[in-house]
Amino acid sequence: MREIIPNKDGRIQVEIFPSRLLNAETAEILLTELNKVEGVFRAMIQGPRLPRKVSAGPGTGEDVRHTARKIVQIADTAIELSISVGRIRLEIADADVKEEIRTVCERILPFPFEYRTGHFFHSKATVSDYAKHGANANPSMLGMMDPKANVEDQVCILGAQKSD
């Protein structure tokens, strides 16, 4: 078993890499259950893009009616999946949370998946982050989105800290 290497904040980063792309229903169930786990600070999903319009060929400009492009409900937030979920990266509190996440994945995913620890999120601003967000970029948003996209289209913040 590999040693768990925390980042500078003492948080652990894990990646869930299923052997298949997740359909919208499975992704919704998995993301909802992962959202319920205490100790998850950041999550990022990646996968192939599901286009809205045909970009080339005889049907250029026509709408694409892809069955995987659905609106999923996570906590009390509705999110339109614009990708097929291929991997999920999480930043978590400690090894106990890591084992709880593994248990959730084993319960929900009906096929094998890779579960690894590493450094998956940026810790310093890249040139793209600096160009998009400036010198005072939110550190929790570094490397979380395509630099050419709008933040509203790519980032959804769940369970924001409540101030008393």
N, C-alpha and C. Protein backbone atom coordinates (compact mmCIF):
# COMPACT_ATOMS: atom_id res chain seq x y z
N MET A 1 0.84 -1.18 0.00
CA MET A 1 0.00 0.00 0.00
C MET A 1 0.88 1.24 0.00
N ARG A 2 0.52 2.22 -0.83
CA ARG A 2 1.30 3.44 -0.93
C ARG A 2 1.06 4.35 0.27
N GLU A 3 2.07 5.12 0.59
CA GLU A 3 1.97 6.08 1.67
C GLU A 3 1.03 7.21 1.26
N ILE A 4 0.21 7.67 2.20
CA ILE A 4 -0.69 8.78 1.94
C ILE A 4 0.10 10.07 2.10
N ILE A 5 0.14 10.88 1.05
CA ILE A 5 0.91 12.12 1.07
C ILE A 5 -0.06 13.30 1.10
N PRO A 6 -0.14 13.99 2.24
CA PRO A 6 -1.02 15.16 2.30
C PRO A 6 -0.38 16.35 1.60
N ASN A 7 -1.21 17.31 1.18
CA ASN A 7 -0.67 18.54 0.60
C ASN A 7 -0.27 19.48 1.72
N LYS A 8 0.09 20.72 1.39
CA LYS A 8 0.61 21.64 2.41
C LYS A 8 -0.43 22.00 3.48
N ASP A 9 -1.72 21.83 3.19
CA ASP A 9 -2.77 22.10 4.18
C ASP A 9 -3.08 20.86 5.02
N GLY A 10 -2.38 19.76 4.76
CA GLY A 10 -2.65 18.52 5.49
C GLY A 10 -3.80 17.72 4.91
N ARG A 11 -4.30 18.15 3.76
CA ARG A 11 -5.41 17.44 3.10
C ARG A 11 -4.87 16.39 2.15
N ILE A 12 -5.66 15.37 1.94
CA ILE A 12 -5.31 14.27 1.05
C ILE A 12 -6.11 14.43 -0.24
N GLN A 13 -5.50 14.14 -1.37
CA GLN A 13 -6.21 14.18 -2.65
C GLN A 13 -6.31 12.76 -3.19
N VAL A 14 -7.54 12.39 -3.59
CA VAL A 14 -7.78 11.05 -4.14
C VAL A 14 -8.46 11.17 -5.49
N GLU A 15 -8.28 10.12 -6.29
CA GLU A 15 -8.91 10.06 -7.61
C GLU A 15 -9.66 8.75 -7.72
N ILE A 16 -10.90 8.83 -8.16
CA ILE A 16 -11.73 7.67 -8.45
C ILE A 16 -11.79 7.58 -9.97
N PHE A 17 -11.30 6.48 -10.52
CA PHE A 17 -11.22 6.33 -11.97
C PHE A 17 -11.93 5.04 -12.37
N PRO A 18 -13.25 5.13 -12.65
CA PRO A 18 -14.00 3.92 -13.03
C PRO A 18 -13.50 3.34 -14.35
N SER A 19 -13.67 2.04 -14.52
CA SER A 19 -13.24 1.39 -15.76
C SER A 19 -14.17 1.71 -16.92
N ARG A 20 -15.30 2.34 -16.65
CA ARG A 20 -16.25 2.76 -17.69
C ARG A 20 -16.69 4.19 -17.41
N LEU A 21 -17.18 4.85 -18.45
CA LEU A 21 -17.79 6.16 -18.24
C LEU A 21 -19.10 5.96 -17.49
N LEU A 22 -19.40 6.85 -16.58
CA LEU A 22 -20.62 6.73 -15.79
C LEU A 22 -21.80 7.34 -16.55
N ASN A 23 -22.94 6.65 -16.52
CA ASN A 23 -24.13 7.26 -17.10
C ASN A 23 -24.64 8.31 -16.11
N ALA A 24 -25.56 9.14 -16.53
CA ALA A 24 -26.02 10.27 -15.71
C ALA A 24 -26.62 9.80 -14.39
N GLU A 25 -27.37 8.72 -14.41
CA GLU A 25 -28.02 8.24 -13.20
C GLU A 25 -27.00 7.76 -12.16
N THR A 26 -26.02 6.97 -12.61
CA THR A 26 -24.98 6.48 -11.70
C THR A 26 -24.15 7.64 -11.17
N ALA A 27 -23.82 8.59 -12.05
CA ALA A 27 -23.04 9.76 -11.64
C ALA A 27 -23.80 10.55 -10.58
N GLU A 28 -25.10 10.73 -10.77
CA GLU A 28 -25.91 11.47 -9.82
C GLU A 28 -25.92 10.79 -8.45
N ILE A 29 -26.12 9.48 -8.44
CA ILE A 29 -26.14 8.72 -7.19
C ILE A 29 -24.79 8.82 -6.49
N LEU A 30 -23.70 8.59 -7.24
CA LEU A 30 -22.36 8.62 -6.66
C LEU A 30 -22.01 10.00 -6.13
N LEU A 31 -22.26 11.04 -6.91
CA LEU A 31 -21.93 12.40 -6.47
C LEU A 31 -22.77 12.83 -5.28
N THR A 32 -24.03 12.41 -5.23
CA THR A 32 -24.87 12.72 -4.08
C THR A 32 -24.34 12.06 -2.82
N GLU A 33 -23.94 10.79 -2.93
CA GLU A 33 -23.40 10.08 -1.76
C GLU A 33 -22.05 10.67 -1.34
N LEU A 34 -21.21 11.03 -2.29
CA LEU A 34 -19.92 11.65 -1.95
C LEU A 34 -20.13 13.01 -1.29
N ASN A 35 -21.16 13.72 -1.70
CA ASN A 35 -21.47 15.02 -1.10
C ASN A 35 -21.89 14.87 0.36
N LYS A 36 -22.44 13.73 0.73
CA LYS A 36 -22.88 13.49 2.11
C LYS A 36 -21.73 13.16 3.05
N VAL A 37 -20.58 12.78 2.50
CA VAL A 37 -19.43 12.41 3.32
C VAL A 37 -18.83 13.67 3.94
N GLU A 38 -18.71 13.68 5.27
CA GLU A 38 -18.08 14.80 5.97
C GLU A 38 -16.58 14.75 5.73
N GLY A 39 -15.98 15.90 5.45
CA GLY A 39 -14.54 15.95 5.26
C GLY A 39 -14.09 16.05 3.82
N VAL A 40 -15.05 16.24 2.88
CA VAL A 40 -14.70 16.47 1.48
C VAL A 40 -14.70 17.98 1.26
N PHE A 41 -13.54 18.52 0.85
CA PHE A 41 -13.41 19.96 0.67
C PHE A 41 -13.65 20.41 -0.77
N ARG A 42 -13.10 19.67 -1.72
CA ARG A 42 -13.25 20.01 -3.14
C ARG A 42 -13.47 18.75 -3.93
N ALA A 43 -14.21 18.88 -5.01
CA ALA A 43 -14.42 17.76 -5.93
C ALA A 43 -14.39 18.29 -7.35
N MET A 44 -13.85 17.49 -8.25
CA MET A 44 -13.82 17.86 -9.66
C MET A 44 -14.14 16.61 -10.46
N ILE A 45 -15.04 16.75 -11.42
CA ILE A 45 -15.33 15.63 -12.31
C ILE A 45 -14.77 15.95 -13.69
N GLN A 46 -14.27 14.91 -14.35
CA GLN A 46 -13.71 15.07 -15.69
C GLN A 46 -14.23 13.97 -16.58
N GLY A 47 -14.23 14.25 -17.88
CA GLY A 47 -14.64 13.27 -18.86
C GLY A 47 -14.82 13.93 -20.21
N PRO A 48 -15.16 13.12 -21.22
CA PRO A 48 -15.36 13.69 -22.55
C PRO A 48 -16.59 14.60 -22.60
N ARG A 49 -16.44 15.69 -23.32
CA ARG A 49 -17.50 16.69 -23.45
C ARG A 49 -18.68 16.14 -24.26
N LEU A 50 -19.86 16.54 -23.87
CA LEU A 50 -21.08 16.20 -24.62
C LEU A 50 -21.52 17.47 -25.34
N PRO A 51 -21.28 17.57 -26.65
CA PRO A 51 -21.56 18.82 -27.36
C PRO A 51 -23.05 19.12 -27.45
N ARG A 52 -23.38 20.40 -27.52
CA ARG A 52 -24.77 20.84 -27.70
C ARG A 52 -25.15 20.86 -29.18
N LYS A 53 -24.19 21.19 -30.04
CA LYS A 53 -24.44 21.32 -31.48
C LYS A 53 -23.45 20.47 -32.26
N VAL A 54 -23.85 20.01 -33.44
CA VAL A 54 -22.96 19.29 -34.34
C VAL A 54 -21.96 20.30 -34.88
N SER A 55 -20.65 19.99 -34.75
CA SER A 55 -19.64 20.98 -35.12
C SER A 55 -19.09 20.79 -36.54
N ALA A 56 -19.31 19.62 -37.13
CA ALA A 56 -18.78 19.38 -38.48
C ALA A 56 -19.66 18.37 -39.20
N GLY A 57 -19.58 18.38 -40.51
CA GLY A 57 -20.34 17.41 -41.30
C GLY A 57 -21.64 17.97 -41.82
N PRO A 58 -22.49 17.10 -42.39
CA PRO A 58 -23.72 17.57 -43.01
C PRO A 58 -24.72 18.18 -42.03
N GLY A 59 -24.63 17.83 -40.76
CA GLY A 59 -25.58 18.36 -39.79
C GLY A 59 -25.03 19.53 -38.98
N THR A 60 -24.04 20.22 -39.50
CA THR A 60 -23.40 21.30 -38.76
C THR A 60 -24.43 22.31 -38.27
N GLY A 61 -24.33 22.60 -36.96
CA GLY A 61 -25.23 23.57 -36.35
C GLY A 61 -26.49 22.97 -35.76
N GLU A 62 -26.80 21.73 -36.09
CA GLU A 62 -27.99 21.07 -35.54
C GLU A 62 -27.78 20.72 -34.07
N ASP A 63 -28.86 20.69 -33.31
CA ASP A 63 -28.78 20.30 -31.91
C ASP A 63 -28.45 18.81 -31.78
N VAL A 64 -27.63 18.47 -30.78
CA VAL A 64 -27.31 17.08 -30.48
C VAL A 64 -28.20 16.67 -29.31
N ARG A 65 -28.97 15.63 -29.51
CA ARG A 65 -29.84 15.13 -28.44
C ARG A 65 -29.17 13.91 -27.80
N HIS A 66 -28.20 14.18 -26.96
CA HIS A 66 -27.43 13.12 -26.32
C HIS A 66 -28.16 12.65 -25.06
N THR A 67 -28.31 11.35 -24.91
CA THR A 67 -29.06 10.82 -23.76
C THR A 67 -28.34 11.04 -22.43
N ALA A 68 -27.02 11.25 -22.46
CA ALA A 68 -26.27 11.44 -21.22
C ALA A 68 -26.30 12.90 -20.74
N ARG A 69 -26.74 13.82 -21.58
CA ARG A 69 -26.81 15.23 -21.17
C ARG A 69 -28.11 15.42 -20.41
N LYS A 70 -28.00 15.35 -19.10
CA LYS A 70 -29.17 15.47 -18.23
C LYS A 70 -28.90 16.42 -17.10
N ILE A 71 -29.96 16.84 -16.46
CA ILE A 71 -29.83 17.65 -15.26
C ILE A 71 -29.87 16.70 -14.07
N VAL A 72 -28.84 16.77 -13.24
CA VAL A 72 -28.75 15.92 -12.06
C VAL A 72 -28.92 16.78 -10.82
N GLN A 73 -29.47 16.18 -9.80
CA GLN A 73 -29.71 16.88 -8.54
C GLN A 73 -28.70 16.39 -7.51
N ILE A 74 -27.85 17.29 -7.03
CA ILE A 74 -26.87 16.96 -5.99
C ILE A 74 -27.14 17.91 -4.84
N ALA A 75 -27.46 17.33 -3.69
CA ALA A 75 -27.93 18.10 -2.54
C ALA A 75 -29.16 18.88 -2.99
N ASP A 76 -29.15 20.18 -2.85
CA ASP A 76 -30.30 20.96 -3.32
C ASP A 76 -29.93 21.83 -4.52
N THR A 77 -28.95 21.36 -5.30
CA THR A 77 -28.48 22.08 -6.47
C THR A 77 -28.67 21.22 -7.72
N ALA A 78 -29.28 21.80 -8.75
CA ALA A 78 -29.44 21.12 -10.03
C ALA A 78 -28.28 21.51 -10.94
N ILE A 79 -27.65 20.50 -11.53
CA ILE A 79 -26.47 20.72 -12.38
C ILE A 79 -26.70 20.01 -13.71
N GLU A 80 -26.46 20.69 -14.82
CA GLU A 80 -26.54 20.03 -16.12
C GLU A 80 -25.20 19.37 -16.41
N LEU A 81 -25.21 18.06 -16.62
CA LEU A 81 -23.98 17.34 -16.96
C LEU A 81 -23.65 17.65 -18.41
N SER A 82 -22.52 18.28 -18.63
CA SER A 82 -22.08 18.58 -20.00
C SER A 82 -20.94 17.66 -20.41
N ILE A 83 -20.65 16.66 -19.55
CA ILE A 83 -19.62 15.66 -19.84
C ILE A 83 -20.15 14.29 -19.45
N SER A 84 -19.50 13.26 -19.98
CA SER A 84 -19.70 11.91 -19.46
C SER A 84 -18.66 11.74 -18.36
N VAL A 85 -19.08 11.43 -17.16
CA VAL A 85 -18.15 11.38 -16.03
C VAL A 85 -17.18 10.22 -16.19
N GLY A 86 -15.89 10.55 -16.27
CA GLY A 86 -14.86 9.54 -16.46
C GLY A 86 -13.95 9.40 -15.25
N ARG A 87 -13.80 10.46 -14.47
CA ARG A 87 -13.01 10.39 -13.25
C ARG A 87 -13.48 11.47 -12.30
N ILE A 88 -13.29 11.20 -11.02
CA ILE A 88 -13.67 12.14 -9.97
C ILE A 88 -12.45 12.35 -9.08
N ARG A 89 -12.10 13.59 -8.86
CA ARG A 89 -10.98 13.92 -7.99
C ARG A 89 -11.51 14.67 -6.77
N LEU A 90 -11.02 14.28 -5.60
CA LEU A 90 -11.50 14.85 -4.35
C LEU A 90 -10.34 15.31 -3.49
N GLU A 91 -10.55 16.37 -2.75
CA GLU A 91 -9.62 16.79 -1.71
C GLU A 91 -10.33 16.56 -0.39
N ILE A 92 -9.71 15.75 0.47
CA ILE A 92 -10.38 15.29 1.68
C ILE A 92 -9.54 15.56 2.93
N ALA A 93 -10.16 15.38 4.08
CA ALA A 93 -9.53 15.72 5.36
C ALA A 93 -8.47 14.73 5.80
N ASP A 94 -8.77 13.43 5.78
CA ASP A 94 -7.83 12.46 6.36
C ASP A 94 -8.08 11.05 5.83
N ALA A 95 -7.33 10.09 6.36
CA ALA A 95 -7.39 8.70 5.89
C ALA A 95 -8.74 8.05 6.21
N ASP A 96 -9.40 8.47 7.30
CA ASP A 96 -10.72 7.92 7.63
C ASP A 96 -11.74 8.27 6.55
N VAL A 97 -11.68 9.51 6.08
CA VAL A 97 -12.57 9.94 5.00
C VAL A 97 -12.25 9.17 3.73
N LYS A 98 -10.97 8.92 3.50
CA LYS A 98 -10.54 8.17 2.31
C LYS A 98 -11.19 6.79 2.30
N GLU A 99 -11.20 6.11 3.42
CA GLU A 99 -11.80 4.77 3.49
C GLU A 99 -13.31 4.83 3.35
N GLU A 100 -13.93 5.87 3.89
CA GLU A 100 -15.38 6.04 3.76
C GLU A 100 -15.76 6.25 2.29
N ILE A 101 -14.96 7.02 1.57
CA ILE A 101 -15.21 7.27 0.15
C ILE A 101 -15.06 5.97 -0.65
N ARG A 102 -14.03 5.20 -0.33
CA ARG A 102 -13.84 3.91 -1.00
C ARG A 102 -15.06 3.01 -0.79
N THR A 103 -15.58 2.98 0.43
CA THR A 103 -16.76 2.17 0.75
C THR A 103 -17.97 2.62 -0.06
N VAL A 104 -18.16 3.92 -0.18
CA VAL A 104 -19.27 4.46 -0.98
C VAL A 104 -19.13 4.02 -2.44
N CYS A 105 -17.92 4.11 -2.99
CA CYS A 105 -17.68 3.73 -4.39
C CYS A 105 -17.93 2.23 -4.60
N GLU A 106 -17.46 1.40 -3.67
CA GLU A 106 -17.67 -0.04 -3.79
C GLU A 106 -19.15 -0.40 -3.74
N ARG A 107 -19.92 0.36 -2.95
CA ARG A 107 -21.36 0.09 -2.83
C ARG A 107 -22.12 0.52 -4.09
N ILE A 108 -21.72 1.63 -4.72
CA ILE A 108 -22.50 2.20 -5.82
C ILE A 108 -22.03 1.75 -7.19
N LEU A 109 -20.74 1.65 -7.41
CA LEU A 109 -20.24 1.31 -8.74
C LEU A 109 -20.30 -0.20 -8.97
N PRO A 110 -21.02 -0.65 -9.99
CA PRO A 110 -21.18 -2.09 -10.24
C PRO A 110 -20.05 -2.70 -11.06
N PHE A 111 -18.96 -1.97 -11.23
CA PHE A 111 -17.83 -2.42 -12.04
C PHE A 111 -16.54 -1.94 -11.36
N PRO A 112 -15.38 -2.48 -11.78
CA PRO A 112 -14.12 -2.10 -11.13
C PRO A 112 -13.78 -0.62 -11.33
N PHE A 113 -12.99 -0.11 -10.41
CA PHE A 113 -12.51 1.26 -10.51
C PHE A 113 -11.14 1.34 -9.84
N GLU A 114 -10.34 2.30 -10.30
CA GLU A 114 -9.06 2.56 -9.67
C GLU A 114 -9.28 3.64 -8.61
N TYR A 115 -8.59 3.50 -7.51
CA TYR A 115 -8.71 4.45 -6.41
C TYR A 115 -7.30 4.78 -5.97
N ARG A 116 -6.86 6.00 -6.24
CA ARG A 116 -5.47 6.33 -5.96
C ARG A 116 -5.33 7.67 -5.23
N THR A 117 -4.22 7.78 -4.54
CA THR A 117 -3.87 8.99 -3.81
C THR A 117 -2.74 9.68 -4.57
N GLY A 118 -2.77 11.00 -4.59
CA GLY A 118 -1.72 11.75 -5.27
C GLY A 118 -1.97 13.24 -5.14
N HIS A 119 -1.34 14.01 -6.01
CA HIS A 119 -1.57 15.45 -6.07
C HIS A 119 -2.24 15.74 -7.41
N PHE A 120 -3.54 16.06 -7.37
CA PHE A 120 -4.33 16.24 -8.58
C PHE A 120 -4.79 17.67 -8.80
N PHE A 121 -4.80 18.48 -7.74
CA PHE A 121 -5.22 19.86 -7.85
C PHE A 121 -4.00 20.77 -7.82
N HIS A 122 -4.09 21.89 -8.52
CA HIS A 122 -3.00 22.87 -8.53
C HIS A 122 -2.87 23.50 -7.14
N SER A 123 -1.66 23.79 -6.75
CA SER A 123 -1.44 24.49 -5.49
C SER A 123 -0.97 25.93 -5.73
N LYS A 124 -0.51 26.21 -6.95
CA LYS A 124 -0.09 27.56 -7.33
C LYS A 124 -0.82 27.95 -8.60
N ALA A 125 -1.00 29.25 -8.77
CA ALA A 125 -1.68 29.75 -9.97
C ALA A 125 -0.82 29.51 -11.21
N THR A 126 -1.44 28.99 -12.26
CA THR A 126 -0.76 28.86 -13.54
C THR A 126 -0.90 30.17 -14.30
N VAL A 127 -0.25 30.26 -15.44
CA VAL A 127 -0.38 31.45 -16.28
C VAL A 127 -1.85 31.64 -16.68
N SER A 128 -2.54 30.53 -17.01
CA SER A 128 -3.95 30.62 -17.38
C SER A 128 -4.81 31.11 -16.22
N ASP A 129 -4.54 30.62 -15.01
CA ASP A 129 -5.29 31.09 -13.83
C ASP A 129 -5.05 32.58 -13.62
N TYR A 130 -3.81 33.00 -13.75
CA TYR A 130 -3.47 34.41 -13.56
C TYR A 130 -4.17 35.28 -14.61
N ALA A 131 -4.15 34.83 -15.86
CA ALA A 131 -4.78 35.60 -16.94
C ALA A 131 -6.29 35.68 -16.75
N LYS A 132 -6.90 34.62 -16.29
CA LYS A 132 -8.36 34.56 -16.15
C LYS A 132 -8.84 35.27 -14.88
N HIS A 133 -8.13 35.06 -13.75
CA HIS A 133 -8.63 35.52 -12.46
C HIS A 133 -7.80 36.63 -11.82
N GLY A 134 -6.62 36.90 -12.34
CA GLY A 134 -5.78 37.94 -11.77
C GLY A 134 -4.90 37.43 -10.64
N ALA A 135 -4.21 38.34 -10.00
CA ALA A 135 -3.24 37.98 -8.96
C ALA A 135 -3.90 37.48 -7.68
N ASN A 136 -5.12 37.88 -7.42
CA ASN A 136 -5.79 37.51 -6.17
C ASN A 136 -6.84 36.43 -6.40
N ALA A 137 -6.51 35.43 -7.17
CA ALA A 137 -7.44 34.34 -7.47
C ALA A 137 -7.72 33.52 -6.22
N ASN A 138 -8.94 33.01 -6.13
CA ASN A 138 -9.34 32.15 -5.01
C ASN A 138 -8.52 30.85 -5.10
N PRO A 139 -7.73 30.52 -4.08
CA PRO A 139 -6.87 29.32 -4.15
C PRO A 139 -7.66 28.01 -4.32
N SER A 140 -8.90 27.97 -3.86
CA SER A 140 -9.67 26.74 -4.01
C SER A 140 -10.17 26.53 -5.43
N MET A 141 -10.05 27.55 -6.29
CA MET A 141 -10.51 27.45 -7.68
C MET A 141 -9.37 27.19 -8.67
N LEU A 142 -8.14 27.15 -8.19
CA LEU A 142 -6.99 26.99 -9.09
C LEU A 142 -7.06 25.67 -9.84
N GLY A 143 -6.97 25.74 -11.15
CA GLY A 143 -6.94 24.55 -11.99
C GLY A 143 -8.24 23.79 -12.05
N MET A 144 -9.34 24.38 -11.62
CA MET A 144 -10.61 23.66 -11.54
C MET A 144 -11.45 23.77 -12.81
N MET A 145 -11.04 24.60 -13.77
CA MET A 145 -11.89 24.80 -14.93
C MET A 145 -11.09 25.16 -16.17
N ASP A 146 -11.75 25.05 -17.30
CA ASP A 146 -11.17 25.44 -18.57
C ASP A 146 -10.99 26.96 -18.58
N PRO A 147 -9.80 27.46 -18.89
CA PRO A 147 -9.57 28.91 -18.85
C PRO A 147 -10.41 29.69 -19.85
N LYS A 148 -10.92 29.05 -20.89
CA LYS A 148 -11.72 29.76 -21.89
C LYS A 148 -13.20 29.80 -21.54
N ALA A 149 -13.62 29.08 -20.52
CA ALA A 149 -15.04 28.97 -20.17
C ALA A 149 -15.42 29.97 -19.09
N ASN A 150 -16.73 30.18 -18.96
CA ASN A 150 -17.25 31.01 -17.89
C ASN A 150 -17.29 30.20 -16.60
N VAL A 151 -17.00 30.86 -15.48
CA VAL A 151 -17.01 30.19 -14.19
C VAL A 151 -18.39 29.58 -13.92
N GLU A 152 -19.45 30.31 -14.24
CA GLU A 152 -20.81 29.85 -13.97
C GLU A 152 -21.14 28.55 -14.72
N ASP A 153 -20.54 28.37 -15.90
CA ASP A 153 -20.81 27.18 -16.70
C ASP A 153 -20.03 25.97 -16.23
N GLN A 154 -18.95 26.16 -15.49
CA GLN A 154 -18.04 25.08 -15.19
C GLN A 154 -17.93 24.74 -13.71
N VAL A 155 -18.28 25.66 -12.83
CA VAL A 155 -18.06 25.44 -11.40
C VAL A 155 -19.37 25.55 -10.65
N CYS A 156 -19.60 24.60 -9.78
CA CYS A 156 -20.79 24.61 -8.93
C CYS A 156 -20.30 24.43 -7.50
N ILE A 157 -20.66 25.35 -6.62
CA ILE A 157 -20.22 25.29 -5.23
C ILE A 157 -21.37 24.74 -4.40
N LEU A 158 -21.12 23.59 -3.78
CA LEU A 158 -22.10 22.94 -2.93
C LEU A 158 -21.69 23.10 -1.48
N GLY A 159 -22.65 23.21 -0.59
CA GLY A 159 -22.36 23.22 0.84
C GLY A 159 -21.41 24.29 1.26
N ALA A 160 -21.61 25.51 0.79
CA ALA A 160 -20.73 26.62 1.17
C ALA A 160 -20.79 26.82 2.68
N GLN A 161 -19.69 27.28 3.23
CA GLN A 161 -19.62 27.51 4.67
C GLN A 161 -20.68 28.52 5.10
N LYS A 162 -21.36 28.20 6.18
CA LYS A 162 -22.38 29.11 6.71
C LYS A 162 -21.75 29.94 7.81
N SER A 163 -22.00 31.24 7.77
CA SER A 163 -21.47 32.12 8.82
C SER A 163 -22.57 32.40 9.82
N ASP A 164 -22.22 32.36 11.10
CA ASP A 164 -23.20 32.59 12.16
C ASP A 164 -23.23 34.04 12.58
